[in-house]
Protein backbone atom coordinates (compact mmCIF):
# COMPACT_ATOMS: atom_id res chain seq x y z
CA UNK A 1 29.70 112.53 83.08
CA UNK A 2 31.37 110.27 85.36
CA UNK A 3 34.45 112.03 87.50
CA UNK A 4 35.69 108.70 88.47
CA UNK A 5 35.53 105.19 86.82
CA UNK A 6 36.66 101.95 88.13
CA UNK A 7 36.63 99.20 86.17
CA UNK A 8 37.62 95.18 86.66
CA UNK A 9 40.41 96.55 89.53
CA UNK A 10 42.44 93.72 91.46
CA UNK A 11 44.85 94.52 94.09
CA UNK A 12 46.88 91.60 95.71
CA UNK A 13 49.19 91.77 98.97
CA UNK A 14 51.00 88.57 99.40
CA UNK A 15 48.66 86.06 99.10
CA UNK A 16 45.65 88.35 100.33
CA UNK A 17 43.16 89.79 97.58
CA UNK A 18 42.54 92.98 98.90
CA UNK A 19 40.62 94.23 96.02
CA UNK A 20 38.80 91.57 93.80
CA UNK A 21 37.47 92.70 89.90
CA UNK A 22 35.58 95.96 91.44
CA UNK A 23 33.46 97.70 89.08
CA UNK A 24 31.85 100.92 89.56
CA UNK A 25 31.31 104.85 88.60
CA UNK A 26 31.29 107.93 90.65
CA UNK A 27 28.97 110.50 88.64
CA UNK A 28 30.34 114.17 89.06
CA UNK A 29 29.31 116.50 91.08
CA UNK A 30 27.47 113.91 93.64
CA UNK A 31 28.23 112.62 97.10
CA UNK A 32 28.95 109.02 96.98
CA UNK A 33 29.08 106.83 99.65
CA UNK A 34 32.02 104.15 99.64
CA UNK A 35 31.00 101.48 102.70
CA UNK A 36 32.39 98.12 103.70
CA UNK A 37 32.97 96.45 106.98
CA UNK A 38 36.71 96.57 108.35
CA UNK A 39 38.89 94.50 105.89
CA UNK A 40 36.56 94.73 102.92
CA UNK A 41 39.06 96.74 100.52
CA UNK A 42 37.84 100.02 100.81
CA UNK A 43 41.42 101.69 101.81
CA UNK A 44 43.22 99.70 99.13
CA UNK A 45 41.07 101.15 96.45
CA UNK A 46 41.20 104.77 98.17
CA UNK A 47 45.14 104.05 97.67
CA UNK A 48 44.77 103.49 94.13
CA UNK A 49 42.52 106.31 93.31
CA UNK A 50 44.83 108.49 94.98
CA UNK A 51 47.92 106.75 93.41
CA UNK A 52 49.73 106.07 96.53
CA UNK A 53 49.51 102.14 95.26
CA UNK A 54 48.68 101.16 91.58
CA UNK A 55 46.30 98.31 90.65
CA UNK A 56 47.20 95.16 89.80
CA UNK A 57 44.75 94.73 86.55
CA UNK A 58 41.97 96.67 85.70
CA UNK A 59 41.71 100.62 85.27
CA UNK A 60 40.65 103.53 87.12
CA UNK A 61 39.71 106.67 85.12
CA UNK A 62 39.76 110.26 86.71
CA UNK A 63 37.64 112.57 84.16
CA UNK A 64 37.68 110.15 81.70
CA UNK A 65 41.46 109.41 81.55
CA UNK A 66 43.90 107.35 83.07
CA UNK A 67 45.56 108.29 86.23
CA UNK A 68 48.67 110.11 86.15
CA UNK A 69 51.17 112.33 88.12
CA UNK A 70 48.94 115.11 88.12
CA UNK A 71 45.84 113.77 89.54
CA UNK A 72 46.64 113.74 92.97
CA UNK A 73 46.71 117.58 92.80
CA UNK A 74 43.05 117.33 91.67
CA UNK A 75 42.01 115.20 94.74
CA UNK A 76 41.81 115.90 98.62
CA UNK A 77 41.80 112.96 100.70
CA UNK A 78 41.10 112.64 104.24
CA UNK A 79 41.90 109.26 105.67
CA UNK A 80 41.05 108.14 108.82
CA UNK A 81 44.36 107.61 110.35
CA UNK A 82 45.32 111.53 110.52
CA UNK A 83 48.46 112.47 109.24
CA UNK A 84 49.77 115.77 111.10
CA UNK A 85 52.83 116.73 112.21
CA UNK A 86 52.13 117.44 116.09
CA UNK A 87 55.32 119.88 116.58
CA UNK A 88 54.86 122.07 113.75
CA UNK A 89 52.77 125.48 113.86
CA UNK A 90 49.10 125.26 112.07
CA UNK A 91 49.33 127.98 109.74
CA UNK A 92 52.91 126.48 109.16
CA UNK A 93 51.66 123.33 108.28
CA UNK A 94 49.20 124.01 106.30
CA UNK A 95 51.24 126.64 103.94
CA UNK A 96 53.59 123.40 103.62
CA UNK A 97 50.96 120.77 102.76
CA UNK A 98 49.11 123.67 100.29
CA UNK A 99 52.38 124.23 98.24
CA UNK A 100 52.69 120.24 97.84
CA UNK A 101 49.27 120.07 96.43
CA UNK A 102 50.56 122.56 93.74
CA UNK A 103 49.51 126.37 95.34
CA UNK A 104 52.02 129.09 95.40
CA UNK A 105 53.06 130.55 98.90
CA UNK A 106 50.58 133.70 98.35
CA UNK A 107 47.80 131.56 96.93
CA UNK A 108 48.33 129.05 100.25
CA UNK A 109 48.37 132.19 102.46
CA UNK A 110 45.24 133.62 101.13
CA UNK A 111 43.30 129.88 101.22
CA UNK A 112 44.63 129.58 105.09
CA UNK A 113 42.88 133.08 105.96
CA UNK A 114 39.87 132.31 104.43
CA UNK A 115 39.63 129.08 106.34
CA UNK A 116 40.79 130.61 109.49
CA UNK A 117 38.18 133.26 109.10
CA UNK A 118 35.52 130.78 108.11
CA UNK A 119 35.82 128.39 111.11
CA UNK A 120 36.55 131.21 113.46
CA UNK A 121 40.20 130.13 114.54
CA UNK A 122 42.27 132.97 113.50
CA UNK A 123 43.77 132.89 117.24
CA UNK A 124 45.57 128.97 115.97
CA UNK A 125 47.83 130.43 113.59
CA UNK A 126 50.79 129.93 115.79
CA UNK A 127 49.62 127.02 117.94
CA UNK A 128 51.17 123.37 117.60
CA UNK A 129 49.14 120.97 116.69
CA UNK A 130 49.84 118.98 119.75
CA UNK A 131 48.15 121.96 121.74
CA UNK A 132 44.97 121.30 120.13
CA UNK A 133 42.21 118.54 120.95
CA UNK A 134 41.71 115.98 118.54
CA UNK A 135 38.30 117.60 117.59
CA UNK A 136 40.34 120.81 116.98
CA UNK A 137 43.19 118.54 114.73
CA UNK A 138 40.06 117.35 113.00
CA UNK A 139 39.00 120.76 111.51
CA UNK A 140 42.74 121.56 110.84
CA UNK A 141 43.09 118.03 108.85
CA UNK A 142 39.75 118.96 106.99
CA UNK A 143 41.44 122.59 106.06
CA UNK A 144 44.43 120.64 104.66
CA UNK A 145 42.23 118.39 102.56
CA UNK A 146 40.07 120.96 100.68
CA UNK A 147 42.40 123.76 100.71
CA UNK A 148 43.75 123.49 97.41
CA UNK A 149 39.91 123.03 95.94
CA UNK A 150 40.07 119.56 94.80
CA UNK A 151 37.59 118.28 92.36
CA UNK A 152 37.43 114.98 94.10
CA UNK A 153 37.05 114.72 97.74
CA UNK A 154 37.76 111.57 99.56
CA UNK A 155 36.70 111.49 103.56
CA UNK A 156 37.00 108.78 105.68
CA UNK A 157 35.19 109.24 109.10
CA UNK A 158 35.20 112.76 108.69
CA UNK A 159 33.06 113.23 111.88
CA UNK A 160 35.76 110.93 114.14
CA UNK A 161 36.09 113.32 117.37
CA UNK A 162 33.68 115.77 116.66
CA UNK A 163 30.88 117.03 118.93
CA UNK A 164 27.52 117.24 117.63
CA UNK A 165 28.19 121.18 117.02
CA UNK A 166 31.40 121.05 114.80
CA UNK A 167 30.12 117.64 113.14
CA UNK A 168 27.37 119.74 111.92
CA UNK A 169 29.82 122.77 111.02
CA UNK A 170 31.88 120.27 108.86
CA UNK A 171 28.97 118.40 107.24
CA UNK A 172 27.50 122.02 106.18
CA UNK A 173 31.01 122.46 104.36
CA UNK A 174 30.60 118.99 102.97
CA UNK A 175 27.37 120.19 101.20
CA UNK A 176 28.70 123.92 100.32
CA UNK A 177 31.85 122.36 98.65
CA UNK A 178 29.41 119.67 96.66
CA UNK A 179 27.08 122.90 95.75
CA UNK A 180 30.41 124.19 94.09
CA UNK A 181 30.97 121.45 92.17
CA UNK A 182 33.15 119.20 94.03
CA UNK A 183 32.27 115.60 93.75
CA UNK A 184 32.74 113.82 97.35
CA UNK A 185 33.36 110.20 98.40
CA UNK A 186 32.13 109.55 101.73
CA UNK A 187 33.56 106.47 104.06
CA UNK A 188 32.25 105.78 106.97
CA UNK A 189 30.93 103.41 109.44
CA UNK A 190 28.15 105.36 110.71
CA UNK A 191 25.03 104.51 108.34
CA UNK A 192 22.63 107.11 109.70
CA UNK A 193 25.13 109.56 108.21
CA UNK A 194 25.38 108.14 104.64
CA UNK A 195 21.83 107.87 104.59
CA UNK A 196 21.22 111.89 105.47
CA UNK A 197 24.58 112.85 103.09
CA UNK A 198 24.92 110.45 100.56
CA UNK A 199 22.77 110.27 97.01
CA UNK A 200 24.25 107.06 95.50
CA UNK A 201 26.52 104.07 97.37
CA UNK A 202 28.72 101.09 96.77
CA UNK A 203 28.83 98.29 99.40
CA UNK A 204 31.98 96.18 99.14
CA UNK A 205 32.67 92.80 101.14
CA UNK A 206 35.78 90.87 100.70
CA UNK A 207 37.03 93.02 97.80
CA UNK A 208 33.98 92.59 95.85
CA UNK A 209 30.98 94.90 95.07
CA UNK A 210 27.81 93.32 96.57
CA UNK A 211 25.69 95.95 96.34
CA UNK A 212 25.35 99.43 94.70
CA UNK A 213 22.88 102.04 93.55
CA UNK A 214 20.81 105.25 94.52
CA UNK A 215 20.19 105.20 98.04
CA UNK A 216 16.26 105.79 97.78
CA UNK A 217 16.43 102.59 95.45
CA UNK A 218 18.13 100.41 97.51
CA UNK A 219 15.70 101.05 100.25
CA UNK A 220 12.96 100.60 98.23
CA UNK A 221 14.67 97.27 96.72
CA UNK A 222 15.30 95.94 100.08
CA UNK A 223 11.76 96.65 101.62
CA UNK A 224 9.58 93.89 103.47
CA UNK A 225 6.13 95.35 102.93
CA UNK A 226 5.91 96.44 106.45
CA UNK A 227 3.83 98.94 107.95
CA UNK A 228 2.84 100.99 111.02
CA UNK A 229 -0.12 102.54 112.16
CA UNK A 230 -0.76 104.85 115.03
CA UNK A 231 -4.17 105.45 116.52
CA UNK A 232 -5.65 108.03 119.16
CA UNK A 233 -7.27 105.22 121.30
CA UNK A 234 -6.54 101.71 121.75
CA UNK A 235 -6.02 99.41 118.88
CA UNK A 236 -8.24 96.19 118.88
CA UNK A 237 -6.91 93.03 118.71
CA UNK A 238 -6.02 91.77 115.34
CA UNK A 239 -4.31 88.71 114.77
CA UNK A 240 -5.62 86.35 112.22
CA UNK A 241 -5.98 87.69 109.54
CA UNK A 242 -4.88 86.14 105.95
CA UNK A 243 -4.03 89.38 104.47
CA UNK A 244 -1.23 90.38 107.06
CA UNK A 245 0.98 89.72 110.08
CA UNK A 246 1.41 91.41 112.94
CA UNK A 247 4.87 92.11 113.93
CA UNK A 248 4.87 94.23 117.21
CA UNK A 249 1.72 95.62 118.57
CA UNK A 250 1.07 98.18 121.32
CA UNK A 251 -1.90 100.39 122.97
CA UNK A 252 -1.86 102.99 119.99
CA UNK A 253 0.63 101.13 117.64
CA UNK A 254 0.63 98.21 115.60
CA UNK A 255 3.72 97.00 112.83
CA UNK A 256 2.10 94.76 110.69
CA UNK A 257 3.73 92.86 107.37
CA UNK A 258 1.26 92.53 104.42
CA UNK A 259 1.06 89.05 102.70
CA UNK A 260 1.72 88.44 99.25
CA UNK A 261 -1.83 89.39 97.21
CA UNK A 262 -2.94 91.76 99.57
CA UNK A 263 -3.06 95.64 99.87
CA UNK A 264 -1.68 97.05 102.91
CA UNK A 265 -5.21 99.50 102.85
CA UNK A 266 -7.17 96.11 103.83
CA UNK A 267 -5.90 96.73 107.68
CA UNK A 268 -6.70 100.30 107.30
CA UNK A 269 -9.89 100.47 106.25
CA UNK A 270 -10.99 98.02 108.75
CA UNK A 271 -9.42 100.13 111.22
CA UNK A 272 -11.40 102.84 110.26
CA UNK A 273 -14.90 100.99 109.87
CA UNK A 274 -14.51 100.29 113.52
CA UNK A 275 -14.35 104.04 114.32
CA UNK A 276 -10.80 104.55 115.10
CA UNK A 277 -9.05 107.58 114.25
CA UNK A 278 -5.77 107.33 112.63
CA UNK A 279 -3.11 109.48 113.74
CA UNK A 280 -0.46 107.95 111.21
CA UNK A 281 0.13 105.35 108.54
CA UNK A 282 3.48 104.69 107.20
CA UNK A 283 5.49 102.27 105.12
CA UNK A 284 8.39 101.19 107.18
CA UNK A 285 11.72 100.91 104.78
CA UNK A 286 14.71 99.37 105.91
CA UNK A 287 17.51 101.24 107.17
CA UNK A 288 20.80 101.23 105.47
CA UNK A 289 22.19 100.02 108.89
CA UNK A 290 19.79 96.79 108.53
CA UNK A 291 20.48 96.19 104.81
CA UNK A 292 24.18 96.55 105.36
CA UNK A 293 24.21 93.85 108.12
CA UNK A 294 22.20 91.79 105.94
CA UNK A 295 24.04 91.76 102.89
CA UNK A 296 27.73 91.47 104.77
CA UNK A 297 26.18 88.38 106.45
CA UNK A 298 25.46 87.32 103.24
């Protein structure tokens, strides 16, 4: 079951095509990475999903039905550019935003108390937003995004401005919300975060989808037959083989690429036969960051 299905969506602004025939599905209950360089069309697409703007052509289905006026109440969206009212008190603002999402005053108050206790920030109730640090404001923005318990959560650079401790706090909440059945679309330029958090991704560049699939499958797809061997003791010089190319060599470590038609165990066997004690032997899959850069550069 897909909670979100995007089919041949186009969006134009004057003479610029921001979204160009984009098609992909977001499985229900997944943590899904929406990736792309600046200006790729991610924000334009998010604005269509959240019904802030409409597509020029194509269609978007939310839980199998076309987007309508009720869709925003089922979505939580935290944009990269935060939108809190700096002069308002924290609880007052959260109460206002929760009621905009359809919660009653009593329901909103209950949820605010729940999150304040969870984040141990009960003494912030009457503080103004402008009195809080950027990281503290980020916590409030996160609460505002999830307070109505949406079915779909869209997070754009959610860890921006957070120290490692608070970044881990928000990350834990993302996992917990996902366990409760909430689907999460995660957008960031930090590929190591995507690699850690996301199960599936779609990569958009110049308004078009250029890569999509499971993170593990994509890394497997772009592997380059690179391997790493670490040994106890100095490695002998191993150049000149028909089976592999040495890419990097240190005293007790070598990184090599296996040539087509050969087995990576050939080098391992040769080293063992020379009496070396092998400490580690790993296939080196490309990082998402490497794949991202190579695909965007074309």
